[in-house]
Amino acid sequence: MGFLLYVFVAVAGALNAVQSGTNAQLARSLERPWLAGFVVCLSTTLIFAVGMLVSGQGLPAAGKAESTPWWAWTGGLCGAVLVIASLFFAQKMGSGFFTGLTITAGVIASILMDHFGLVGFKQHSAGLWRIVGAALMIGGLGLVARF
């Protein structure tokens, strides 16, 4: 099971690069980037609706929703920002740099969230090797941008 988990996550990461290009092309072809974003989010919503139906999961009890921290509801906003960035900037920046920048920024943000135990993550100190890893990501991004 563990191996399949890593494969799934790796495929999801690769699809992140594909999605930025498909989103940008849809926006360019339609000449309506906001409509393209709506189509992307609508298709995502439909996929999750089917998943809820197939799995038998319905809506949670009202108490569950009320006890959820406010920041846990902001995931859709975070996803929308990434979709908007891909619609407007991915093809201008190029896939390598766009994806590298989003992943590098994500790694740096993740190290900070781990270090401070933010948004539900357990605290993991930003030790030397994590900081070196982030610096190497920044260096790698510089190489992708240059060549």
N, C-alpha and C. Protein backbone atom coordinates (compact mmCIF):
# COMPACT_ATOMS: atom_id res chain seq x y z
N MET A 1 0.82 -1.20 0.00
CA MET A 1 0.00 0.00 0.00
C MET A 1 0.86 1.27 0.00
N GLY A 2 1.95 1.26 0.76
CA GLY A 2 2.80 2.43 0.85
C GLY A 2 3.39 2.84 -0.48
N PHE A 3 3.83 1.85 -1.26
CA PHE A 3 4.41 2.15 -2.56
C PHE A 3 3.38 2.81 -3.48
N LEU A 4 2.17 2.29 -3.49
CA LEU A 4 1.11 2.86 -4.34
C LEU A 4 0.77 4.28 -3.93
N LEU A 5 0.87 4.56 -2.64
CA LEU A 5 0.63 5.92 -2.15
C LEU A 5 1.65 6.87 -2.77
N TYR A 6 2.92 6.49 -2.77
CA TYR A 6 3.97 7.33 -3.34
C TYR A 6 3.79 7.49 -4.85
N VAL A 7 3.40 6.42 -5.50
CA VAL A 7 3.16 6.49 -6.95
C VAL A 7 2.02 7.46 -7.23
N PHE A 8 0.94 7.37 -6.47
CA PHE A 8 -0.21 8.25 -6.67
C PHE A 8 0.20 9.71 -6.47
N VAL A 9 0.94 9.99 -5.41
CA VAL A 9 1.38 11.36 -5.14
C VAL A 9 2.33 11.86 -6.22
N ALA A 10 3.22 11.00 -6.70
CA ALA A 10 4.13 11.39 -7.78
C ALA A 10 3.36 11.70 -9.06
N VAL A 11 2.37 10.87 -9.36
CA VAL A 11 1.54 11.13 -10.55
C VAL A 11 0.79 12.45 -10.38
N ALA A 12 0.27 12.70 -9.18
CA ALA A 12 -0.42 13.97 -8.92
C ALA A 12 0.52 15.16 -9.13
N GLY A 13 1.75 15.02 -8.70
CA GLY A 13 2.73 16.09 -8.92
C GLY A 13 3.01 16.32 -10.39
N ALA A 14 3.14 15.23 -11.14
CA ALA A 14 3.36 15.36 -12.59
C ALA A 14 2.15 16.01 -13.25
N LEU A 15 0.97 15.63 -12.80
CA LEU A 15 -0.25 16.21 -13.38
C LEU A 15 -0.39 17.69 -13.06
N ASN A 16 0.27 18.15 -11.99
CA ASN A 16 0.27 19.58 -11.68
C ASN A 16 0.88 20.37 -12.84
N ALA A 17 1.97 19.83 -13.39
CA ALA A 17 2.60 20.49 -14.54
C ALA A 17 1.70 20.42 -15.76
N VAL A 18 1.05 19.28 -15.97
CA VAL A 18 0.14 19.14 -17.10
C VAL A 18 -1.05 20.09 -16.95
N GLN A 19 -1.59 20.16 -15.75
CA GLN A 19 -2.77 20.99 -15.52
C GLN A 19 -2.50 22.46 -15.81
N SER A 20 -1.33 22.96 -15.44
CA SER A 20 -1.05 24.37 -15.70
C SER A 20 -1.08 24.66 -17.20
N GLY A 21 -0.58 23.73 -18.00
CA GLY A 21 -0.62 23.92 -19.45
C GLY A 21 -2.02 23.78 -20.02
N THR A 22 -2.78 22.78 -19.54
CA THR A 22 -4.13 22.60 -20.07
C THR A 22 -5.03 23.77 -19.67
N ASN A 23 -4.88 24.25 -18.44
CA ASN A 23 -5.68 25.41 -18.02
C ASN A 23 -5.36 26.63 -18.87
N ALA A 24 -4.09 26.89 -19.08
CA ALA A 24 -3.68 28.05 -19.87
C ALA A 24 -4.16 27.93 -21.31
N GLN A 25 -4.07 26.74 -21.88
CA GLN A 25 -4.53 26.56 -23.26
C GLN A 25 -6.04 26.73 -23.37
N LEU A 26 -6.78 26.23 -22.39
CA LEU A 26 -8.23 26.41 -22.39
C LEU A 26 -8.58 27.90 -22.34
N ALA A 27 -7.89 28.64 -21.49
CA ALA A 27 -8.13 30.08 -21.38
C ALA A 27 -7.81 30.79 -22.69
N ARG A 28 -6.71 30.40 -23.32
CA ARG A 28 -6.32 31.03 -24.58
C ARG A 28 -7.28 30.67 -25.71
N SER A 29 -7.66 29.40 -25.78
CA SER A 29 -8.56 28.96 -26.85
C SER A 29 -9.94 29.60 -26.74
N LEU A 30 -10.45 29.70 -25.52
CA LEU A 30 -11.77 30.30 -25.31
C LEU A 30 -11.72 31.82 -25.32
N GLU A 31 -10.51 32.36 -25.13
CA GLU A 31 -10.31 33.80 -24.97
C GLU A 31 -11.14 34.35 -23.80
N ARG A 32 -11.30 33.49 -22.81
CA ARG A 32 -12.08 33.83 -21.61
C ARG A 32 -11.44 33.11 -20.42
N PRO A 33 -10.39 33.68 -19.83
CA PRO A 33 -9.70 32.97 -18.74
C PRO A 33 -10.60 32.71 -17.53
N TRP A 34 -11.49 33.61 -17.22
CA TRP A 34 -12.36 33.39 -16.06
C TRP A 34 -13.35 32.25 -16.33
N LEU A 35 -13.84 32.15 -17.55
CA LEU A 35 -14.71 31.03 -17.92
C LEU A 35 -13.92 29.73 -17.86
N ALA A 36 -12.69 29.75 -18.33
CA ALA A 36 -11.85 28.55 -18.27
C ALA A 36 -11.66 28.12 -16.81
N GLY A 37 -11.42 29.07 -15.93
CA GLY A 37 -11.29 28.75 -14.51
C GLY A 37 -12.57 28.15 -13.95
N PHE A 38 -13.69 28.68 -14.37
CA PHE A 38 -14.98 28.14 -13.94
C PHE A 38 -15.14 26.70 -14.41
N VAL A 39 -14.77 26.43 -15.66
CA VAL A 39 -14.87 25.07 -16.20
C VAL A 39 -13.96 24.12 -15.41
N VAL A 40 -12.76 24.55 -15.10
CA VAL A 40 -11.82 23.73 -14.33
C VAL A 40 -12.42 23.40 -12.96
N CYS A 41 -12.94 24.41 -12.28
CA CYS A 41 -13.49 24.19 -10.94
C CYS A 41 -14.79 23.39 -10.99
N LEU A 42 -15.59 23.61 -12.02
CA LEU A 42 -16.83 22.84 -12.16
C LEU A 42 -16.53 21.36 -12.38
N SER A 43 -15.55 21.08 -13.23
CA SER A 43 -15.20 19.67 -13.47
C SER A 43 -14.64 19.04 -12.20
N THR A 44 -13.88 19.79 -11.42
CA THR A 44 -13.37 19.29 -10.14
C THR A 44 -14.53 19.00 -9.19
N THR A 45 -15.49 19.91 -9.13
CA THR A 45 -16.66 19.72 -8.27
C THR A 45 -17.43 18.48 -8.67
N LEU A 46 -17.61 18.28 -9.97
CA LEU A 46 -18.35 17.10 -10.44
C LEU A 46 -17.62 15.81 -10.08
N ILE A 47 -16.30 15.80 -10.19
CA ILE A 47 -15.53 14.61 -9.85
C ILE A 47 -15.69 14.28 -8.36
N PHE A 48 -15.65 15.30 -7.52
CA PHE A 48 -15.82 15.04 -6.09
C PHE A 48 -17.26 14.65 -5.75
N ALA A 49 -18.23 15.20 -6.46
CA ALA A 49 -19.63 14.80 -6.24
C ALA A 49 -19.81 13.33 -6.57
N VAL A 50 -19.24 12.88 -7.69
CA VAL A 50 -19.31 11.46 -8.05
C VAL A 50 -18.60 10.62 -6.99
N GLY A 51 -17.45 11.07 -6.52
CA GLY A 51 -16.73 10.36 -5.47
C GLY A 51 -17.55 10.23 -4.20
N MET A 52 -18.27 11.28 -3.83
CA MET A 52 -19.12 11.22 -2.65
C MET A 52 -20.25 10.21 -2.85
N LEU A 53 -20.84 10.20 -4.02
CA LEU A 53 -21.92 9.26 -4.30
C LEU A 53 -21.43 7.81 -4.31
N VAL A 54 -20.32 7.58 -4.99
CA VAL A 54 -19.79 6.22 -5.10
C VAL A 54 -19.35 5.69 -3.73
N SER A 55 -18.77 6.55 -2.91
CA SER A 55 -18.26 6.11 -1.60
C SER A 55 -19.36 6.05 -0.55
N GLY A 56 -20.51 6.64 -0.85
CA GLY A 56 -21.61 6.66 0.12
C GLY A 56 -21.46 7.74 1.18
N GLN A 57 -20.48 8.61 1.02
CA GLN A 57 -20.31 9.69 1.98
C GLN A 57 -21.26 10.82 1.65
N GLY A 58 -22.03 11.22 2.63
CA GLY A 58 -22.91 12.36 2.46
C GLY A 58 -22.35 13.57 3.17
N LEU A 59 -23.21 14.50 3.47
CA LEU A 59 -22.78 15.69 4.18
C LEU A 59 -22.60 15.38 5.66
N PRO A 60 -21.67 16.06 6.33
CA PRO A 60 -21.45 15.80 7.76
C PRO A 60 -22.58 16.41 8.60
N ALA A 61 -22.63 15.98 9.83
CA ALA A 61 -23.58 16.57 10.77
C ALA A 61 -23.23 18.04 10.98
N ALA A 62 -24.22 18.84 11.29
CA ALA A 62 -24.02 20.29 11.47
C ALA A 62 -22.94 20.57 12.50
N GLY A 63 -22.87 19.79 13.54
CA GLY A 63 -21.87 20.02 14.59
C GLY A 63 -20.44 19.90 14.07
N LYS A 64 -20.22 18.99 13.13
CA LYS A 64 -18.89 18.83 12.54
C LYS A 64 -18.47 20.09 11.80
N ALA A 65 -19.36 20.62 11.00
CA ALA A 65 -19.05 21.83 10.23
C ALA A 65 -18.82 23.02 11.16
N GLU A 66 -19.61 23.12 12.19
CA GLU A 66 -19.48 24.25 13.13
C GLU A 66 -18.19 24.19 13.94
N SER A 67 -17.70 22.99 14.21
CA SER A 67 -16.50 22.86 15.03
C SER A 67 -15.20 22.89 14.20
N THR A 68 -15.33 23.03 12.90
CA THR A 68 -14.16 23.07 12.02
C THR A 68 -13.49 24.43 12.14
N PRO A 69 -12.15 24.47 12.29
CA PRO A 69 -11.46 25.77 12.37
C PRO A 69 -11.71 26.59 11.10
N TRP A 70 -11.75 27.91 11.26
CA TRP A 70 -12.07 28.80 10.13
C TRP A 70 -11.10 28.60 8.97
N TRP A 71 -9.81 28.41 9.29
CA TRP A 71 -8.80 28.32 8.24
C TRP A 71 -8.92 27.03 7.43
N ALA A 72 -9.60 26.02 7.96
CA ALA A 72 -9.75 24.76 7.23
C ALA A 72 -10.67 24.92 6.02
N TRP A 73 -11.45 25.99 6.00
CA TRP A 73 -12.37 26.24 4.89
C TRP A 73 -11.70 26.99 3.74
N THR A 74 -10.42 27.34 3.87
CA THR A 74 -9.77 28.19 2.86
C THR A 74 -9.04 27.40 1.77
N GLY A 75 -9.12 26.09 1.78
CA GLY A 75 -8.43 25.27 0.79
C GLY A 75 -8.89 25.57 -0.64
N GLY A 76 -10.19 25.79 -0.80
CA GLY A 76 -10.71 26.13 -2.14
C GLY A 76 -10.14 27.45 -2.64
N LEU A 77 -9.98 28.40 -1.74
CA LEU A 77 -9.37 29.68 -2.10
C LEU A 77 -7.93 29.47 -2.54
N CYS A 78 -7.20 28.63 -1.81
CA CYS A 78 -5.81 28.33 -2.18
C CYS A 78 -5.75 27.68 -3.56
N GLY A 79 -6.63 26.73 -3.80
CA GLY A 79 -6.67 26.07 -5.10
C GLY A 79 -7.03 27.03 -6.21
N ALA A 80 -7.97 27.95 -5.92
CA ALA A 80 -8.38 28.92 -6.93
C ALA A 80 -7.22 29.84 -7.31
N VAL A 81 -6.41 30.23 -6.34
CA VAL A 81 -5.26 31.09 -6.63
C VAL A 81 -4.29 30.36 -7.57
N LEU A 82 -4.07 29.07 -7.33
CA LEU A 82 -3.18 28.31 -8.21
C LEU A 82 -3.76 28.19 -9.61
N VAL A 83 -5.07 27.93 -9.71
CA VAL A 83 -5.70 27.85 -11.03
C VAL A 83 -5.61 29.19 -11.75
N ILE A 84 -5.88 30.28 -11.05
CA ILE A 84 -5.79 31.62 -11.67
C ILE A 84 -4.37 31.88 -12.16
N ALA A 85 -3.38 31.53 -11.34
CA ALA A 85 -1.99 31.72 -11.75
C ALA A 85 -1.70 30.93 -13.02
N SER A 86 -2.20 29.70 -13.10
CA SER A 86 -1.94 28.89 -14.29
C SER A 86 -2.65 29.46 -15.51
N LEU A 87 -3.85 29.98 -15.32
CA LEU A 87 -4.61 30.54 -16.44
C LEU A 87 -3.92 31.75 -17.06
N PHE A 88 -3.36 32.59 -16.21
CA PHE A 88 -2.82 33.86 -16.68
C PHE A 88 -1.32 33.87 -16.92
N PHE A 89 -0.56 32.97 -16.25
CA PHE A 89 0.89 33.11 -16.29
C PHE A 89 1.68 31.89 -16.74
N ALA A 90 1.11 30.69 -16.71
CA ALA A 90 1.89 29.48 -16.98
C ALA A 90 2.53 29.50 -18.35
N GLN A 91 1.77 29.80 -19.39
CA GLN A 91 2.34 29.77 -20.73
C GLN A 91 3.33 30.90 -20.96
N LYS A 92 3.16 32.01 -20.27
CA LYS A 92 4.11 33.12 -20.40
C LYS A 92 5.44 32.77 -19.74
N MET A 93 5.39 32.06 -18.62
CA MET A 93 6.61 31.73 -17.88
C MET A 93 7.27 30.45 -18.39
N GLY A 94 6.49 29.59 -19.01
CA GLY A 94 6.99 28.27 -19.41
C GLY A 94 6.69 27.26 -18.31
N SER A 95 6.46 26.02 -18.71
CA SER A 95 6.06 24.99 -17.76
C SER A 95 7.13 24.71 -16.71
N GLY A 96 8.38 24.62 -17.14
CA GLY A 96 9.45 24.30 -16.19
C GLY A 96 9.58 25.33 -15.09
N PHE A 97 9.62 26.59 -15.47
CA PHE A 97 9.78 27.64 -14.47
C PHE A 97 8.52 27.81 -13.65
N PHE A 98 7.35 27.80 -14.30
CA PHE A 98 6.09 27.96 -13.57
C PHE A 98 5.94 26.85 -12.53
N THR A 99 6.10 25.60 -12.96
CA THR A 99 5.93 24.48 -12.04
C THR A 99 7.03 24.49 -10.98
N GLY A 100 8.26 24.78 -11.39
CA GLY A 100 9.36 24.86 -10.43
C GLY A 100 9.13 25.93 -9.38
N LEU A 101 8.63 27.08 -9.80
CA LEU A 101 8.37 28.17 -8.86
C LEU A 101 7.26 27.79 -7.88
N THR A 102 6.17 27.21 -8.40
CA THR A 102 5.08 26.85 -7.49
C THR A 102 5.52 25.76 -6.52
N ILE A 103 6.30 24.80 -6.98
CA ILE A 103 6.75 23.72 -6.09
C ILE A 103 7.77 24.24 -5.09
N THR A 104 8.71 25.06 -5.54
CA THR A 104 9.71 25.62 -4.62
C THR A 104 9.04 26.48 -3.56
N ALA A 105 8.11 27.32 -3.98
CA ALA A 105 7.37 28.14 -3.00
C ALA A 105 6.60 27.25 -2.04
N GLY A 106 6.04 26.15 -2.57
CA GLY A 106 5.31 25.22 -1.71
C GLY A 106 6.21 24.54 -0.70
N VAL A 107 7.41 24.17 -1.12
CA VAL A 107 8.36 23.53 -0.19
C VAL A 107 8.76 24.50 0.91
N ILE A 108 9.05 25.74 0.55
CA ILE A 108 9.44 26.74 1.56
C ILE A 108 8.28 26.99 2.52
N ALA A 109 7.06 27.16 1.98
CA ALA A 109 5.90 27.36 2.84
C ALA A 109 5.66 26.14 3.73
N SER A 110 5.88 24.94 3.18
CA SER A 110 5.69 23.72 3.96
C SER A 110 6.68 23.61 5.11
N ILE A 111 7.92 23.98 4.85
CA ILE A 111 8.92 23.96 5.92
C ILE A 111 8.52 24.92 7.04
N LEU A 112 8.02 26.09 6.66
CA LEU A 112 7.57 27.06 7.67
C LEU A 112 6.35 26.55 8.43
N MET A 113 5.40 25.95 7.71
CA MET A 113 4.21 25.41 8.39
C MET A 113 4.59 24.28 9.33
N ASP A 114 5.50 23.42 8.90
CA ASP A 114 5.97 22.35 9.78
C ASP A 114 6.69 22.92 11.00
N HIS A 115 7.55 23.88 10.77
CA HIS A 115 8.36 24.44 11.86
C HIS A 115 7.49 25.05 12.95
N PHE A 116 6.44 25.76 12.53
CA PHE A 116 5.57 26.43 13.50
C PHE A 116 4.31 25.63 13.82
N GLY A 117 4.14 24.46 13.22
CA GLY A 117 2.98 23.63 13.49
C GLY A 117 1.68 24.30 13.07
N LEU A 118 1.68 24.92 11.90
CA LEU A 118 0.50 25.66 11.44
C LEU A 118 -0.47 24.77 10.69
N VAL A 119 -1.68 25.22 10.57
CA VAL A 119 -2.80 24.62 9.84
C VAL A 119 -2.92 23.11 10.06
N GLY A 120 -2.76 22.68 11.29
CA GLY A 120 -2.99 21.30 11.64
C GLY A 120 -1.80 20.37 11.49
N PHE A 121 -0.68 20.84 10.98
CA PHE A 121 0.50 19.99 10.85
C PHE A 121 1.19 19.85 12.21
N LYS A 122 1.75 18.66 12.45
CA LYS A 122 2.55 18.48 13.64
C LYS A 122 3.83 19.27 13.47
N GLN A 123 4.38 19.74 14.58
CA GLN A 123 5.58 20.56 14.55
C GLN A 123 6.79 19.70 14.21
N HIS A 124 7.52 20.12 13.18
CA HIS A 124 8.79 19.52 12.77
C HIS A 124 9.75 20.68 12.54
N SER A 125 10.79 20.74 13.34
CA SER A 125 11.72 21.87 13.27
C SER A 125 12.37 21.99 11.89
N ALA A 126 12.58 23.23 11.49
CA ALA A 126 13.28 23.52 10.22
C ALA A 126 14.77 23.45 10.51
N GLY A 127 15.28 22.24 10.56
CA GLY A 127 16.69 22.02 10.85
C GLY A 127 17.55 22.36 9.64
N LEU A 128 18.84 22.17 9.84
CA LEU A 128 19.83 22.52 8.82
C LEU A 128 19.53 21.86 7.48
N TRP A 129 19.23 20.54 7.49
CA TRP A 129 19.07 19.83 6.22
C TRP A 129 17.80 20.27 5.48
N ARG A 130 16.76 20.61 6.21
CA ARG A 130 15.56 21.13 5.54
C ARG A 130 15.85 22.49 4.90
N ILE A 131 16.59 23.31 5.59
CA ILE A 131 16.94 24.64 5.05
C ILE A 131 17.87 24.48 3.85
N VAL A 132 18.83 23.57 3.94
CA VAL A 132 19.72 23.30 2.81
C VAL A 132 18.90 22.79 1.62
N GLY A 133 17.95 21.90 1.88
CA GLY A 133 17.09 21.39 0.81
C GLY A 133 16.31 22.49 0.13
N ALA A 134 15.77 23.42 0.92
CA ALA A 134 15.04 24.55 0.35
C ALA A 134 15.97 25.44 -0.47
N ALA A 135 17.18 25.66 0.02
CA ALA A 135 18.15 26.46 -0.72
C ALA A 135 18.51 25.78 -2.05
N LEU A 136 18.65 24.47 -2.03
CA LEU A 136 18.94 23.74 -3.26
C LEU A 136 17.77 23.84 -4.25
N MET A 137 16.56 23.84 -3.73
CA MET A 137 15.38 24.02 -4.60
C MET A 137 15.45 25.40 -5.27
N ILE A 138 15.79 26.42 -4.49
CA ILE A 138 15.91 27.77 -5.05
C ILE A 138 17.01 27.80 -6.10
N GLY A 139 18.15 27.16 -5.81
CA GLY A 139 19.23 27.09 -6.78
C GLY A 139 18.81 26.36 -8.05
N GLY A 140 18.10 25.24 -7.88
CA GLY A 140 17.60 24.51 -9.03
C GLY A 140 16.63 25.31 -9.85
N LEU A 141 15.78 26.09 -9.19
CA LEU A 141 14.85 26.95 -9.88
C LEU A 141 15.62 27.99 -10.71
N GLY A 142 16.70 28.52 -10.12
CA GLY A 142 17.54 29.45 -10.87
C GLY A 142 18.11 28.84 -12.12
N LEU A 143 18.53 27.57 -12.03
CA LEU A 143 19.04 26.87 -13.20
C LEU A 143 17.95 26.63 -14.25
N VAL A 144 16.77 26.27 -13.81
CA VAL A 144 15.66 26.04 -14.75
C VAL A 144 15.32 27.35 -15.45
N ALA A 145 15.35 28.45 -14.73
CA ALA A 145 15.02 29.76 -15.32
C ALA A 145 16.09 30.22 -16.30
N ARG A 146 17.32 29.88 -16.03
CA ARG A 146 18.44 30.36 -16.85
C ARG A 146 18.61 29.56 -18.13
N PHE A 147 18.38 28.26 -18.07
CA PHE A 147 18.67 27.41 -19.22
C PHE A 147 17.42 26.95 -19.88
